PDB file of N, CA and C in Angstrom:
ATOM      1  N   MET A   1      51.155  13.526 -79.220  1.00  0.00           N
ATOM      2  CA  MET A   1      51.032  14.409 -80.359  1.00  0.00           C
ATOM      3  C   MET A   1      50.552  13.594 -81.553  1.00  0.00           C
ATOM      4  N   LYS A   2      49.776  14.254 -82.429  1.00  0.00           N
ATOM      5  CA  LYS A   2      49.226  13.605 -83.620  1.00  0.00           C
ATOM      6  C   LYS A   2      49.547  14.440 -84.851  1.00  0.00           C
ATOM      7  N   LEU A   3      49.604  13.763 -85.993  1.00  0.00           N
ATOM      8  CA  LEU A   3      49.702  14.420 -87.288  1.00  0.00           C
ATOM      9  C   LEU A   3      48.409  14.118 -88.025  1.00  0.00           C
ATOM     10  N   ILE A   4      47.690  15.153 -88.384  1.00  0.00           N
ATOM     11  CA  ILE A   4      46.461  15.003 -89.158  1.00  0.00           C
ATOM     12  C   ILE A   4      46.801  15.316 -90.607  1.00  0.00           C
ATOM     13  N   ILE A   5      46.492  14.375 -91.486  1.00  0.00           N
ATOM     14  CA  ILE A   5      46.670  14.582 -92.919  1.00  0.00           C
ATOM     15  C   ILE A   5      45.272  14.640 -93.521  1.00  0.00           C
ATOM     16  N   ALA A   6      44.922  15.795 -94.074  1.00  0.00           N
ATOM     17  CA  ALA A   6      43.585  15.995 -94.641  1.00  0.00           C
ATOM     18  C   ALA A   6      43.705  16.297 -96.129  1.00  0.00           C
ATOM     19  N   VAL A   7      43.047  15.491 -96.954  1.00  0.00           N
ATOM     20  CA  VAL A   7      43.014  15.713 -98.393  1.00  0.00           C
ATOM     21  C   VAL A   7      41.656  16.324 -98.710  1.00  0.00           C
ATOM     22  N   VAL A   8      41.668  17.560 -99.220  1.00  0.00           N
ATOM     23  CA  VAL A   8      40.430  18.285 -99.507  1.00  0.00           C
ATOM     24  C   VAL A   8      40.468  18.806-100.935  1.00  0.00           C
ATOM     25  N   GLU A   9      39.306  19.157-101.445  1.00  0.00           N
ATOM     26  CA  GLU A   9      39.231  19.736-102.779  1.00  0.00           C
ATOM     27  C   GLU A   9      39.818  21.144-102.747  1.00  0.00           C
ATOM     28  N   ASP A  10      40.480  21.534-103.832  1.00  0.00           N
ATOM     29  CA  ASP A  10      41.100  22.856-103.898  1.00  0.00           C
ATOM     30  C   ASP A  10      40.122  23.976-103.548  1.00  0.00           C
ATOM     31  N   LYS A  11      38.868  23.828-103.955  1.00  0.00           N
ATOM     32  CA  LYS A  11      37.861  24.875-103.716  1.00  0.00           C
ATOM     33  C   LYS A  11      37.625  25.119-102.225  1.00  0.00           C
ATOM     34  N   ASP A  12      37.884  24.115-101.399  1.00  0.00           N
ATOM     35  CA  ASP A  12      37.649  24.243 -99.962  1.00  0.00           C
ATOM     36  C   ASP A  12      38.904  24.637 -99.187  1.00  0.00           C
ATOM     37  N   SER A  13      40.066  24.593 -99.817  1.00  0.00           N
ATOM     38  CA  SER A  13      41.319  24.698 -99.069  1.00  0.00           C
ATOM     39  C   SER A  13      41.524  26.054 -98.402  1.00  0.00           C
ATOM     40  N   HIS A  14      41.258  27.156 -99.092  1.00  0.00           N
ATOM     41  CA  HIS A  14      41.521  28.472 -98.501  1.00  0.00           C
ATOM     42  C   HIS A  14      40.630  28.724 -97.289  1.00  0.00           C
ATOM     43  N   ARG A  15      39.361  28.385 -97.416  1.00  0.00           N
ATOM     44  CA  ARG A  15      38.427  28.555 -96.292  1.00  0.00           C
ATOM     45  C   ARG A  15      38.852  27.690 -95.108  1.00  0.00           C
ATOM     46  N   LEU A  16      39.271  26.471 -95.376  1.00  0.00           N
ATOM     47  CA  LEU A  16      39.683  25.557 -94.316  1.00  0.00           C
ATOM     48  C   LEU A  16      40.964  26.039 -93.633  1.00  0.00           C
ATOM     49  N   ILE A  17      41.944  26.461 -94.406  1.00  0.00           N
ATOM     50  CA  ILE A  17      43.194  26.949 -93.831  1.00  0.00           C
ATOM     51  C   ILE A  17      42.935  28.169 -92.954  1.00  0.00           C
ATOM     52  N   ASP A  18      42.067  29.073 -93.410  1.00  0.00           N
ATOM     53  CA  ASP A  18      41.715  30.248 -92.607  1.00  0.00           C
ATOM     54  C   ASP A  18      41.042  29.848 -91.301  1.00  0.00           C
ATOM     55  N   ALA A  19      40.108  28.904 -91.370  1.00  0.00           N
ATOM     56  CA  ALA A  19      39.390  28.456 -90.167  1.00  0.00           C
ATOM     57  C   ALA A  19      40.334  27.769 -89.182  1.00  0.00           C
ATOM     58  N   LEU A  20      41.253  26.966 -89.683  1.00  0.00           N
ATOM     59  CA  LEU A  20      42.234  26.326 -88.807  1.00  0.00           C
ATOM     60  C   LEU A  20      43.153  27.362 -88.165  1.00  0.00           C
ATOM     61  N   GLY A  21      43.571  28.352 -88.949  1.00  0.00           N
ATOM     62  CA  GLY A  21      44.442  29.402 -88.433  1.00  0.00           C
ATOM     63  C   GLY A  21      43.782  30.226 -87.340  1.00  0.00           C
ATOM     64  N   GLU A  22      42.481  30.463 -87.465  1.00  0.00           N
ATOM     65  CA  GLU A  22      41.752  31.218 -86.442  1.00  0.00           C
ATOM     66  C   GLU A  22      41.774  30.511 -85.096  1.00  0.00           C
ATOM     67  N   GLN A  23      41.915  29.188 -85.112  1.00  0.00           N
ATOM     68  CA  GLN A  23      41.970  28.407 -83.870  1.00  0.00           C
ATOM     69  C   GLN A  23      43.405  27.994 -83.527  1.00  0.00           C
ATOM     70  N   ASP A  24      44.367  28.675 -84.126  1.00  0.00           N
ATOM     71  CA  ASP A  24      45.804  28.474 -83.868  1.00  0.00           C
ATOM     72  C   ASP A  24      46.335  27.098 -84.249  1.00  0.00           C
ATOM     73  N   PHE A  25      45.721  26.454 -85.236  1.00  0.00           N
ATOM     74  CA  PHE A  25      46.282  25.223 -85.787  1.00  0.00           C
ATOM     75  C   PHE A  25      47.234  25.608 -86.904  1.00  0.00           C
ATOM     76  N   LYS A  26      48.461  25.148 -86.812  1.00  0.00           N
ATOM     77  CA  LYS A  26      49.461  25.416 -87.843  1.00  0.00           C
ATOM     78  C   LYS A  26      49.330  24.354 -88.931  1.00  0.00           C
ATOM     79  N   THR A  27      49.310  24.785 -90.176  1.00  0.00           N
ATOM     80  CA  THR A  27      49.125  23.845 -91.279  1.00  0.00           C
ATOM     81  C   THR A  27      50.236  24.005 -92.315  1.00  0.00           C
ATOM     82  N   THR A  28      50.540  22.902 -92.966  1.00  0.00           N
ATOM     83  CA  THR A  28      51.413  22.908 -94.127  1.00  0.00           C
ATOM     84  C   THR A  28      50.582  22.434 -95.299  1.00  0.00           C
ATOM     85  N   LYS A  29      50.586  23.215 -96.376  1.00  0.00           N
ATOM     86  CA  LYS A  29      49.760  22.932 -97.547  1.00  0.00           C
ATOM     87  C   LYS A  29      50.611  22.301 -98.641  1.00  0.00           C
ATOM     88  N   LEU A  30      50.123  21.188 -99.186  1.00  0.00           N
ATOM     89  CA  LEU A  30      50.773  20.511-100.310  1.00  0.00           C
ATOM     90  C   LEU A  30      49.771  20.380-101.450  1.00  0.00           C
ATOM     91  N   SER A  31      50.195  20.670-102.656  1.00  0.00           N
ATOM     92  CA  SER A  31      49.331  20.444-103.810  1.00  0.00           C
ATOM     93  C   SER A  31      49.377  18.972-104.163  1.00  0.00           C
ATOM     94  N   SER A  32      48.225  18.408-104.489  1.00  0.00           N
ATOM     95  CA  SER A  32      48.166  16.991-104.835  1.00  0.00           C
ATOM     96  C   SER A  32      47.105  16.777-105.911  1.00  0.00           C
ATOM     97  N   THR A  33      47.155  15.628-106.532  1.00  0.00           N
ATOM     98  CA  THR A  33      46.198  15.268-107.572  1.00  0.00           C
ATOM     99  C   THR A  33      45.752  13.845-107.334  1.00  0.00           C
ATOM    100  N   GLY A  34      44.487  13.596-107.583  1.00  0.00           N
ATOM    101  CA  GLY A  34      44.035  12.221-107.432  1.00  0.00           C
ATOM    102  C   GLY A  34      42.532  12.121-107.443  1.00  0.00           C
ATOM    103  N   GLY A  35      42.072  10.960-107.097  1.00  0.00           N
ATOM    104  CA  GLY A  35      40.641  10.717-107.067  1.00  0.00           C
ATOM    105  C   GLY A  35      40.102  10.321-108.422  1.00  0.00           C
ATOM    106  N   PHE A  36      38.823  10.130-108.462  1.00  0.00           N
ATOM    107  CA  PHE A  36      38.132   9.667-109.668  1.00  0.00           C
ATOM    108  C   PHE A  36      38.321  10.621-110.842  1.00  0.00           C
ATOM    109  N   LEU A  37      38.271  11.921-110.563  1.00  0.00           N
ATOM    110  CA  LEU A  37      38.345  12.906-111.647  1.00  0.00           C
ATOM    111  C   LEU A  37      39.765  13.336-111.981  1.00  0.00           C
ATOM    112  N   LYS A  38      40.747  12.890-111.205  1.00  0.00           N
ATOM    113  CA  LYS A  38      42.145  13.264-111.411  1.00  0.00           C
ATOM    114  C   LYS A  38      42.319  14.784-111.400  1.00  0.00           C
ATOM    115  N   GLU A  39      41.559  15.457-110.546  1.00  0.00           N
ATOM    116  CA  GLU A  39      41.634  16.910-110.436  1.00  0.00           C
ATOM    117  C   GLU A  39      42.506  17.297-109.261  1.00  0.00           C
ATOM    118  N   GLY A  40      42.835  18.571-109.194  1.00  0.00           N
ATOM    119  CA  GLY A  40      43.688  19.072-108.132  1.00  0.00           C
ATOM    120  C   GLY A  40      43.039  18.987-106.766  1.00  0.00           C
ATOM    121  N   ASN A  41      43.828  18.565-105.811  1.00  0.00           N
ATOM    122  CA  ASN A  41      43.425  18.529-104.412  1.00  0.00           C
ATOM    123  C   ASN A  41      44.449  19.320-103.616  1.00  0.00           C
ATOM    124  N   THR A  42      44.127  19.537-102.374  1.00  0.00           N
ATOM    125  CA  THR A  42      45.086  20.118-101.443  1.00  0.00           C
ATOM    126  C   THR A  42      45.232  19.139-100.290  1.00  0.00           C
ATOM    127  N   THR A  43      46.460  18.816 -99.944  1.00  0.00           N
ATOM    128  CA  THR A  43      46.735  17.967 -98.793  1.00  0.00           C
ATOM    129  C   THR A  43      47.299  18.855 -97.696  1.00  0.00           C
ATOM    130  N   LEU A  44      46.645  18.840 -96.536  1.00  0.00           N
ATOM    131  CA  LEU A  44      47.090  19.637 -95.400  1.00  0.00           C
ATOM    132  C   LEU A  44      47.687  18.725 -94.349  1.00  0.00           C
ATOM    133  N   MET A  45      48.827  19.129 -93.823  1.00  0.00           N
ATOM    134  CA  MET A  45      49.436  18.430 -92.692  1.00  0.00           C
ATOM    135  C   MET A  45      49.289  19.336 -91.479  1.00  0.00           C
ATOM    136  N   ILE A  46      48.684  18.802 -90.423  1.00  0.00           N
ATOM    137  CA  ILE A  46      48.383  19.583 -89.230  1.00  0.00           C
ATOM    138  C   ILE A  46      48.914  18.823 -88.026  1.00  0.00           C
ATOM    139  N   GLY A  47      49.863  19.404 -87.338  1.00  0.00           N
ATOM    140  CA  GLY A  47      50.365  18.804 -86.108  1.00  0.00           C
ATOM    141  C   GLY A  47      49.612  19.389 -84.925  1.00  0.00           C
ATOM    142  N   CYS A  48      49.173  18.536 -84.004  1.00  0.00           N
ATOM    143  CA  CYS A  48      48.456  19.045 -82.836  1.00  0.00           C
ATOM    144  C   CYS A  48      48.580  18.078 -81.663  1.00  0.00           C
ATOM    145  N   ASP A  49      48.301  18.598 -80.483  1.00  0.00           N
ATOM    146  CA  ASP A  49      48.285  17.768 -79.285  1.00  0.00           C
ATOM    147  C   ASP A  49      47.084  16.830 -79.320  1.00  0.00           C
ATOM    148  N   ASP A  50      47.198  15.716 -78.629  1.00  0.00           N
ATOM    149  CA  ASP A  50      46.133  14.705 -78.631  1.00  0.00           C
ATOM    150  C   ASP A  50      44.772  15.281 -78.260  1.00  0.00           C
ATOM    151  N   GLN A  51      44.740  16.182 -77.278  1.00  0.00           N
ATOM    152  CA  GLN A  51      43.454  16.702 -76.803  1.00  0.00           C
ATOM    153  C   GLN A  51      42.811  17.668 -77.805  1.00  0.00           C
ATOM    154  N   ASN A  52      43.540  18.100 -78.834  1.00  0.00           N
ATOM    155  CA  ASN A  52      42.988  19.037 -79.817  1.00  0.00           C
ATOM    156  C   ASN A  52      42.544  18.381 -81.120  1.00  0.00           C
ATOM    157  N   VAL A  53      42.714  17.068 -81.227  1.00  0.00           N
ATOM    158  CA  VAL A  53      42.372  16.365 -82.469  1.00  0.00           C
ATOM    159  C   VAL A  53      40.895  16.522 -82.806  1.00  0.00           C
ATOM    160  N   ASP A  54      40.008  16.339 -81.832  1.00  0.00           N
ATOM    161  CA  ASP A  54      38.575  16.447 -82.108  1.00  0.00           C
ATOM    162  C   ASP A  54      38.190  17.839 -82.590  1.00  0.00           C
ATOM    163  N   ASP A  55      38.818  18.878 -82.031  1.00  0.00           N
ATOM    164  CA  ASP A  55      38.542  20.244 -82.471  1.00  0.00           C
ATOM    165  C   ASP A  55      38.983  20.444 -83.917  1.00  0.00           C
ATOM    166  N   ALA A  56      40.158  19.938 -84.260  1.00  0.00           N
ATOM    167  CA  ALA A  56      40.653  20.059 -85.628  1.00  0.00           C
ATOM    168  C   ALA A  56      39.752  19.302 -86.600  1.00  0.00           C
ATOM    169  N   LEU A  57      39.327  18.108 -86.226  1.00  0.00           N
ATOM    170  CA  LEU A  57      38.447  17.319 -87.094  1.00  0.00           C
ATOM    171  C   LEU A  57      37.111  18.028 -87.313  1.00  0.00           C
ATOM    172  N   ALA A  58      36.591  18.679 -86.279  1.00  0.00           N
ATOM    173  CA  ALA A  58      35.327  19.412 -86.406  1.00  0.00           C
ATOM    174  C   ALA A  58      35.477  20.571 -87.390  1.00  0.00           C
ATOM    175  N   ILE A  59      36.601  21.277 -87.324  1.00  0.00           N
ATOM    176  CA  ILE A  59      36.845  22.388 -88.252  1.00  0.00           C
ATOM    177  C   ILE A  59      36.957  21.867 -89.680  1.00  0.00           C
ATOM    178  N   ILE A  60      37.659  20.758 -89.858  1.00  0.00           N
ATOM    179  CA  ILE A  60      37.796  20.170 -91.194  1.00  0.00           C
ATOM    180  C   ILE A  60      36.425  19.770 -91.733  1.00  0.00           C
ATOM    181  N   LYS A  61      35.622  19.149 -90.906  1.00  0.00           N
ATOM    182  CA  LYS A  61      34.293  18.706 -91.338  1.00  0.00           C
ATOM    183  C   LYS A  61      33.405  19.893 -91.714  1.00  0.00           C
ATOM    184  N   GLN A  62      33.452  20.962 -90.938  1.00  0.00           N
ATOM    185  CA  GLN A  62      32.618  22.138 -91.189  1.00  0.00           C
ATOM    186  C   GLN A  62      33.023  22.890 -92.451  1.00  0.00           C
ATOM    187  N   ASN A  63      34.273  22.777 -92.859  1.00  0.00           N
ATOM    188  CA  ASN A  63      34.777  23.575 -93.976  1.00  0.00           C
ATOM    189  C   ASN A  63      35.131  22.763 -95.211  1.00  0.00           C
ATOM    190  N   SER A  64      34.684  21.536 -95.278  1.00  0.00           N
ATOM    191  CA  SER A  64      34.932  20.677 -96.438  1.00  0.00           C
ATOM    192  C   SER A  64      33.598  20.145 -96.931  1.00  0.00           C
ATOM    193  N   SER A  65      32.959  20.905 -97.799  1.00  0.00           N
ATOM    194  CA  SER A  65      31.603  20.566 -98.208  1.00  0.00           C
ATOM    195  C   SER A  65      31.588  19.555 -99.348  1.00  0.00           C
ATOM    196  N   GLN A  66      30.605  18.673 -99.300  1.00  0.00           N
ATOM    197  CA  GLN A  66      30.368  17.748-100.406  1.00  0.00           C
ATOM    198  C   GLN A  66      29.315  18.363-101.314  1.00  0.00           C
ATOM    199  N   ARG A  67      29.481  18.162-102.605  1.00  0.00           N
ATOM    200  CA  ARG A  67      28.529  18.696-103.568  1.00  0.00           C
ATOM    201  C   ARG A  67      28.487  17.789-104.787  1.00  0.00           C
ATOM    202  N   GLU A  68      27.466  17.948-105.589  1.00  0.00           N
ATOM    203  CA  GLU A  68      27.360  17.154-106.809  1.00  0.00           C
ATOM    204  C   GLU A  68      27.955  17.935-107.966  1.00  0.00           C
ATOM    205  N   GLN A  69      28.593  17.188-108.881  1.00  0.00           N
ATOM    206  CA  GLN A  69      29.203  17.798-110.050  1.00  0.00           C
ATOM    207  C   GLN A  69      28.867  16.955-111.267  1.00  0.00           C
ATOM    208  N   MET A  70      28.528  17.608-112.355  1.00  0.00           N
ATOM    209  CA  MET A  70      28.216  16.928-113.605  1.00  0.00           C
ATOM    210  C   MET A  70      29.516  16.682-114.367  1.00  0.00           C
ATOM    211  N   VAL A  71      29.791  15.413-114.728  1.00  0.00           N
ATOM    212  CA  VAL A  71      30.995  15.075-115.480  1.00  0.00           C
ATOM    213  C   VAL A  71      30.639  14.180-116.660  1.00  0.00           C
ATOM    214  N   ALA A  72      31.456  14.266-117.699  1.00  0.00           N
ATOM    215  CA  ALA A  72      31.284  13.384-118.847  1.00  0.00           C
ATOM    216  C   ALA A  72      32.104  12.125-118.590  1.00  0.00           C
ATOM    217  N   PRO A  73      31.528  10.947-118.810  1.00  0.00           N
ATOM    218  CA  PRO A  73      32.280   9.710-118.586  1.00  0.00           C
ATOM    219  C   PRO A  73      33.430   9.573-119.579  1.00  0.00           C
ATOM    220  N   ILE A  74      34.444   8.847-119.163  1.00  0.00           N
ATOM    221  CA  ILE A  74      35.617   8.612-119.996  1.00  0.00           C
ATOM    222  C   ILE A  74      35.264   7.585-121.069  1.00  0.00           C
ATOM    223  N   SER A  75      35.707   7.827-122.298  1.00  0.00           N
ATOM    224  CA  SER A  75      35.397   6.899-123.390  1.00  0.00           C
ATOM    225  C   SER A  75      36.139   5.576-123.190  1.00  0.00           C
ATOM    226  N   PRO A  76      35.563   4.478-123.668  1.00  0.00           N
ATOM    227  CA  PRO A  76      36.194   3.171-123.487  1.00  0.00           C
ATOM    228  C   PRO A  76      37.512   3.077-124.246  1.00  0.00           C
ATOM    229  N   MET A  77      38.509   2.541-123.586  1.00  0.00           N
ATOM    230  CA  MET A  77      39.821   2.397-124.207  1.00  0.00           C
ATOM    231  C   MET A  77      39.875   1.086-124.985  1.00  0.00           C
ATOM    232  N   GLY A  78      40.244   1.166-126.234  1.00  0.00           N
ATOM    233  CA  GLY A  78      40.433  -0.032-127.045  1.00  0.00           C
ATOM    234  C   GLY A  78      39.141  -0.716-127.448  1.00  0.00           C
ATOM    235  N   GLY A  79      38.027  -0.193-127.020  1.00  0.00           N
ATOM    236  CA  GLY A  79      36.751  -0.800-127.375  1.00  0.00           C
ATOM    237  C   GLY A  79      36.154  -0.130-128.592  1.00  0.00           C
ATOM    238  N   ASN A  80      34.979  -0.548-128.940  1.00  0.00           N
ATOM    239  CA  ASN A  80      34.279   0.016-130.078  1.00  0.00           C
ATOM    240  C   ASN A  80      33.623   1.318-129.634  1.00  0.00           C
ATOM    241  N   ALA A  81      34.141   2.440-130.100  1.00  0.00           N
ATOM    242  CA  ALA A  81      33.620   3.751-129.711  1.00  0.00           C
ATOM    243  C   ALA A  81      32.415   4.150-130.544  1.00  0.00           C
ATOM    244  N   ASP A  82      32.061   3.339-131.574  1.00  0.00           N
ATOM    245  CA  ASP A  82      30.922   3.688-132.423  1.00  0.00           C
ATOM    246  C   ASP A  82      29.621   3.694-131.646  1.00  0.00           C
ATOM    247  N   SER A  83      29.469   2.751-130.726  1.00  0.00           N
ATOM    248  CA  SER A  83      28.218   2.660-129.981  1.00  0.00           C
ATOM    249  C   SER A  83      28.276   3.420-128.655  1.00  0.00           C
ATOM    250  N   TYR A  84      29.399   4.058-128.374  1.00  0.00           N
ATOM    251  CA  TYR A  84      29.569   4.784-127.120  1.00  0.00           C
ATOM    252  C   TYR A  84      28.946   6.176-127.237  1.00  0.00           C
ATOM    253  N   ILE A  85      27.978   6.458-126.403  1.00  0.00           N
ATOM    254  CA  ILE A  85      27.334   7.765-126.380  1.00  0.00           C
ATOM    255  C   ILE A  85      27.599   8.381-125.016  1.00  0.00           C
ATOM    256  N   PRO A  86      28.517   9.340-124.957  1.00  0.00           N
ATOM    257  CA  PRO A  86      28.833   9.928-123.654  1.00  0.00           C
ATOM    258  C   PRO A  86      27.686  10.787-123.146  1.00  0.00           C
ATOM    259  N   GLN A  87      27.196  10.424-121.992  1.00  0.00           N
ATOM    260  CA  GLN A  87      26.156  11.218-121.344  1.00  0.00           C
ATOM    261  C   GLN A  87      26.695  11.649-119.988  1.00  0.00           C
ATOM    262  N   PRO A  88      26.614  12.926-119.702  1.00  0.00           N
ATOM    263  CA  PRO A  88      27.117  13.397-118.410  1.00  0.00           C
ATOM    264  C   PRO A  88      26.396  12.709-117.259  1.00  0.00           C
ATOM    265  N   ILE A  89      27.132  12.497-116.180  1.00  0.00           N
ATOM    266  CA  ILE A  89      26.561  11.889-114.985  1.00  0.00           C
ATOM    267  C   ILE A  89      26.863  12.785-113.787  1.00  0.00           C
ATOM    268  N   ASN A  90      26.022  12.703-112.786  1.00  0.00           N
ATOM    269  CA  ASN A  90      26.236  13.435-111.540  1.00  0.00           C
ATOM    270  C   ASN A  90      27.041  12.571-110.586  1.00  0.00           C
ATOM    271  N   ILE A  91      28.108  13.135-110.033  1.00  0.00           N
ATOM    272  CA  ILE A  91      28.861  12.428-109.005  1.00  0.00           C
ATOM    273  C   ILE A  91      29.047  13.354-107.818  1.00  0.00           C
ATOM    274  N   GLU A  92      29.294  12.780-106.663  1.00  0.00           N
ATOM    275  CA  GLU A  92      29.526  13.563-105.462  1.00  0.00           C
ATOM    276  C   GLU A  92      31.017  13.846-105.330  1.00  0.00           C
ATOM    277  N   VAL A  93      31.373  15.118-105.166  1.00  0.00           N
ATOM    278  CA  VAL A  93      32.762  15.521-104.995  1.00  0.00           C
ATOM    279  C   VAL A  93      32.891  16.335-103.711  1.00  0.00           C
ATOM    280  N   GLY A  94      34.107  16.578-103.322  1.00  0.00           N
ATOM    281  CA  GLY A  94      34.344  17.397-102.137  1.00  0.00           C
ATOM    282  C   GLY A  94      34.428  16.555-100.885  1.00  0.00           C
ATOM    283  N   GLY A  95      34.256  17.214 -99.764  1.00  0.00           N
ATOM    284  CA  GLY A  95      34.434  16.533 -98.501  1.00  0.00           C
ATOM    285  C   GLY A  95      35.920  16.442 -98.197  1.00  0.00           C
ATOM    286  N   ALA A  96      36.270  15.588 -97.285  1.00  0.00           N
ATOM    287  CA  ALA A  96      37.671  15.442 -96.891  1.00  0.00           C
ATOM    288  C   ALA A  96      37.972  13.986 -96.591  1.00  0.00           C
ATOM    289  N   THR A  97      39.173  13.576 -96.918  1.00  0.00           N
ATOM    290  CA  THR A  97      39.702  12.290 -96.486  1.00  0.00           C
ATOM    291  C   THR A  97      40.781  12.616 -95.467  1.00  0.00           C
ATOM    292  N   VAL A  98      40.629  12.079 -94.250  1.00  0.00           N
ATOM    293  CA  VAL A  98      41.492  12.487 -93.146  1.00  0.00           C
ATOM    294  C   VAL A  98      42.159  11.273 -92.511  1.00  0.00           C
ATOM    295  N   PHE A  99      43.451  11.398 -92.266  1.00  0.00           N
ATOM    296  CA  PHE A  99      44.225  10.383 -91.558  1.00  0.00           C
ATOM    297  C   PHE A  99      44.782  11.024 -90.296  1.00  0.00           C
ATOM    298  N   VAL A 100      44.717  10.315 -89.177  1.00  0.00           N
ATOM    299  CA  VAL A 100      45.295  10.792 -87.925  1.00  0.00           C
ATOM    300  C   VAL A 100      46.380   9.795 -87.529  1.00  0.00           C
ATOM    301  N   LEU A 101      47.612  10.292 -87.444  1.00  0.00           N
ATOM    302  CA  LEU A 101      48.761   9.436 -87.183  1.00  0.00           C
ATOM    303  C   LEU A 101      49.444   9.831 -85.878  1.00  0.00           C
ATOM    304  N   PRO A 102      49.926   8.856 -85.125  1.00  0.00           N
ATOM    305  CA  PRO A 102      50.676   9.197 -83.911  1.00  0.00           C
ATOM    306  C   PRO A 102      52.068   9.707 -84.283  1.00  0.00           C
ATOM    307  N   ILE A 103      52.555  10.672 -83.520  1.00  0.00           N
ATOM    308  CA  ILE A 103      53.888  11.226 -83.729  1.00  0.00           C
ATOM    309  C   ILE A 103      54.766  10.795 -82.562  1.00  0.00           C
ATOM    310  N   GLU A 104      55.836  10.110 -82.879  1.00  0.00           N
ATOM    311  CA  GLU A 104      56.752   9.639 -81.850  1.00  0.00           C
ATOM    312  C   GLU A 104      57.589  10.779 -81.278  1.00  0.00           C
ATOM    313  N   SER A 105      58.072  11.657 -82.161  1.00  0.00           N
ATOM    314  CA  SER A 105      58.833  12.809 -81.718  1.00  0.00           C
ATOM    315  C   SER A 105      58.672  13.939 -82.710  1.00  0.00           C
ATOM    316  N   PHE A 106      58.957  15.151 -82.249  1.00  0.00           N
ATOM    317  CA  PHE A 106      58.787  16.339 -83.068  1.00  0.00           C
ATOM    318  C   PHE A 106      59.957  17.283 -82.798  1.00  0.00           C
ATOM    319  N   PHE A 107      60.568  17.783 -83.867  1.00  0.00           N
ATOM    320  CA  PHE A 107      61.689  18.713 -83.732  1.00  0.00           C
ATOM    321  C   PHE A 107      61.428  19.910 -84.618  1.00  0.00           C
ATOM    322  N   GLN A 108      61.770  21.078 -84.135  1.00  0.00           N
ATOM    323  CA  GLN A 108      61.672  22.288 -84.944  1.00  0.00           C
ATOM    324  C   GLN A 108      62.977  23.048 -84.776  1.00  0.00           C
ATOM    325  N   PHE A 109      63.715  23.210 -85.872  1.00  0.00           N
ATOM    326  CA  PHE A 109      65.023  23.853 -85.823  1.00  0.00           C
ATOM    327  C   PHE A 109      64.976  25.227 -86.444  1.00  0.00           C
TER     328      PHE A 109
END
């Protein structure tokens, strides 16, 4: 048995949870924050049998899109802000960060 931990952008979470549910993958949703932009993420915990890991990973990949987002850079801390001209930059956001962990035992009460 494996535990898949997938960190996805909030915008992708509902579509991903629905797609996993259609294939009978049970998920637990946790709200999380992190990354470069310090924006909201969703962390999904998915328990599955070893032979179903590739199917779950394929669903996660299909439903976690990467896209570009325009952001304003953070102003320098403690530096001279007089010469700082914030210009928005394009960065890539989205996608998924996935961890697959072995499960020694599983109990459901």
